[in-house]
């Protein structure tokens, strides 16, 4: 079993750890009130003032073409903004408990440990133990890099000319200007930081309950440069930015900080220690839409997760398998089948545990997110456990994806 430190030294370490956690909580909540921004969910759609790009009235026979790309800009920018926002789902995936827990970035599963220090983003069947209390804090950072395989720093939107009465076809005399287009080159800077505080209590030896409070900071800024693509001979006489109501360059978005989506979790272990069977547990998670969806601090949906958990300690290795389903009600529809398969490995002195996992989510419409998780947990003294983890996308051509998600954590268990 793991080493434990009792007496005055352990008490001082525990009290000082709790003081740090409490101080950070107050600081982040105060900062959240001061840094709150407005409607980041439309940070791409708000380019060019949210009214679509407009050109200059050129006078002569073509004075009214200023708004002829505006409607298509509003539609396409709003669609892109909604699609990107629906993929930003960091705080809807959550964790839980025992002497080895970190904030679950990509899957939404609990973490527990016995012989080893446990998993990081997946779950083992063991529970914390009756009357035991585990407090933890984790910090996670994700800098999003691609959307459906395309770099977020290099998104392109082509705007079509609005229909013109009397010009059913560009082949009609004097109508070839409707072949012109506007290209928007959009650079999107999108990142999220989450500090999560959570506590787990062992109601019985087989039954745990966990509460998770995430504090989220979202940075979402979009920059666009517009270029008129002249596919017609009349184009330069009809479409120009010179003297236009809007500049071809536009910036929108900002930052927001606040409480994310709260998570309630419960796990019941109903088979453990049978030499012929793996340890088995079931867990349920409820995610409450307490985060501000309009500022990308939450999804706006109530999520219910049901999970079957299988694991087995086999000498120095502990394989595990998680299978379940997440159903979202309201807000952004992120309902999906979820899985995790992997193992944690016990060192000779049980002070260090490397962890390897493959996790995934399969949504309706064939969108699939598959990731590899590489982590390490360290027990330097008593019941204190430190963790570090990197979540690396396996397929980056689906959805909104970072190059990796980095997490660090600390937890303390009271026996």
Foldseek 3Di string as FASTA:
>chain_A
DAFADDDDVVVVVVVVVVVVVVVVVVVQAVVQVVFADFQLLLQQCCWLNNQAFFAAQLDDPFRPQRCQQRVQSNVVSNVVSNQQLLQLAQQVAAEDDALAEEGQGPFNYYWYDDLFSTAYNYYAQFDHAAFKKKKKKKKKKFWWADFLRHGLQWDKDKTFTHDDVPPPDCPPPPRVLRVKIKIKGKGKTKMKMKMKIKMKHHNHRFKIKMKIKIKMKIFIKMKIAMDIGGPDPCNVSRGDRVVRPTHRITMGTGMGIHIAWMKIKMKGWDDPDDPVAFTKIKMKMWTHGPADSSRSRYQQWIKIKIKIKTWHDDPFKIWIKIWIWIATDDGNGPTWTKIKTWMWGADPNSFKIWTWMWIKTADPVGAIWIWIKTKMWGHPHRSKIKMKMKIATPDPSGGTGGRIMIMIMIMGMDD
